Structures are given as C-alpha cells and as structure tokens.
Amino acid sequence: MAKIIIDQKKCKGCFLCIKFCPRNLIRKSSKLSKQGTNFVEFISTGECLGCAQCALICPDCCIEVIK
C-alpha cells in the first residue's frame, strides 16, 4: 500500500489536498503550525491508492507519495 509524507513545516493549510483525496485519508490537524495555521495530516489506514492527486494539487509541494 502507498502512503504519503506531508512536510508540516511548509503546509500553509489551504486544504486542497483534503478536497482532492479520493479516499478521504487527509485531515485537518488540531495542532497549529508556527505560522498559527492548521496543517494537514495523513490518516494511515492502508487504503491509500497512491494516485498522487494530493501531491499534484498542493501549491507548495508539501506532499510526497511513496508507493
């Protein structure tokens, strides 16, 4: 199964990846970044398709997909 790694220091919290994940495996974190915004986190359930839609849509290139 695939998984994704999110660079939480670079994530500005636009949440586009949440909208584009077909399996809804990315969620808004309850924690705040140093910039004072919520970042996103990957929900590791083993259901990730590795489609990389999240990485492609991320405007700050914060997401890496590992297959």
Protein backbone atom coordinates (compact mmCIF):
# COMPACT_ATOMS: atom_id res chain seq x y z
CA MET A 1 0.00 0.00 0.00
CA ALA A 2 1.03 3.56 -0.65
CA LYS A 3 1.49 6.27 1.91
CA ILE A 4 2.12 9.98 1.86
CA ILE A 5 4.52 12.18 3.77
CA ILE A 6 3.47 15.75 4.48
CA ASP A 7 6.03 18.45 5.26
CA GLN A 8 4.04 20.11 8.03
CA LYS A 9 6.51 23.00 8.28
CA LYS A 10 5.76 24.02 4.69
CA CYS A 11 2.00 23.38 4.77
CA LYS A 12 0.05 26.63 4.87
CA GLY A 13 -3.31 24.97 5.45
CA CYS A 14 -5.07 25.58 2.13
CA PHE A 15 -6.70 22.11 2.47
CA LEU A 16 -6.84 21.47 -1.29
CA CYS A 17 -5.36 18.02 -0.70
CA ILE A 18 -8.28 17.16 1.58
CA LYS A 19 -10.75 18.02 -1.16
CA PHE A 20 -8.93 16.01 -3.83
CA CYS A 21 -8.13 12.80 -1.91
CA PRO A 22 -10.50 10.14 -3.33
CA ARG A 23 -10.28 8.05 -0.13
CA ASN A 24 -10.52 10.96 2.36
CA LEU A 25 -7.24 9.97 4.01
CA ILE A 26 -6.04 13.50 4.71
CA ARG A 27 -7.49 15.58 7.51
CA LYS A 28 -7.04 18.95 9.14
CA SER A 29 -4.81 18.68 12.20
CA SER A 30 -5.98 20.07 15.51
CA LYS A 31 -2.42 21.32 16.07
CA LEU A 32 -1.17 24.68 14.85
CA SER A 33 1.99 25.37 12.88
CA LYS A 34 4.46 28.09 13.85
CA GLN A 35 2.59 30.37 11.44
CA GLY A 36 -0.58 29.85 13.50
CA THR A 37 -2.45 27.82 10.88
CA ASN A 38 -3.72 24.27 10.95
CA PHE A 39 -1.72 21.92 8.76
CA VAL A 40 -2.88 18.59 7.34
CA GLU A 41 -2.04 15.06 8.36
CA PHE A 42 -2.26 11.67 6.67
CA ILE A 43 -4.58 9.02 8.09
CA SER A 44 -2.67 5.77 7.67
CA THR A 45 -5.30 3.08 7.20
CA GLY A 46 -3.66 1.12 4.41
CA GLU A 47 -6.26 2.31 1.91
CA CYS A 48 -4.12 4.91 0.09
CA LEU A 49 -4.22 4.29 -3.67
CA GLY A 50 -1.01 6.18 -4.38
CA CYS A 51 -2.83 8.25 -7.02
CA ALA A 52 -0.80 11.36 -6.03
CA GLN A 53 -3.73 13.73 -6.53
CA CYS A 54 -2.85 15.34 -3.21
CA ALA A 55 0.76 15.94 -4.25
CA LEU A 56 -0.23 17.27 -7.66
CA ILE A 57 -2.73 19.79 -6.28
CA CYS A 58 -0.53 21.05 -3.41
CA PRO A 59 0.61 24.59 -4.35
CA ASP A 60 3.62 24.43 -2.01
CA CYS A 61 4.85 20.91 -2.88
CA CYS A 62 4.47 19.71 0.71
CA ILE A 63 3.38 16.17 -0.11
CA GLU A 64 5.44 13.17 -1.17
CA VAL A 65 3.76 9.93 -2.28
CA ILE A 66 5.55 6.65 -1.56
CA LYS A 67 4.33 3.53 -3.34
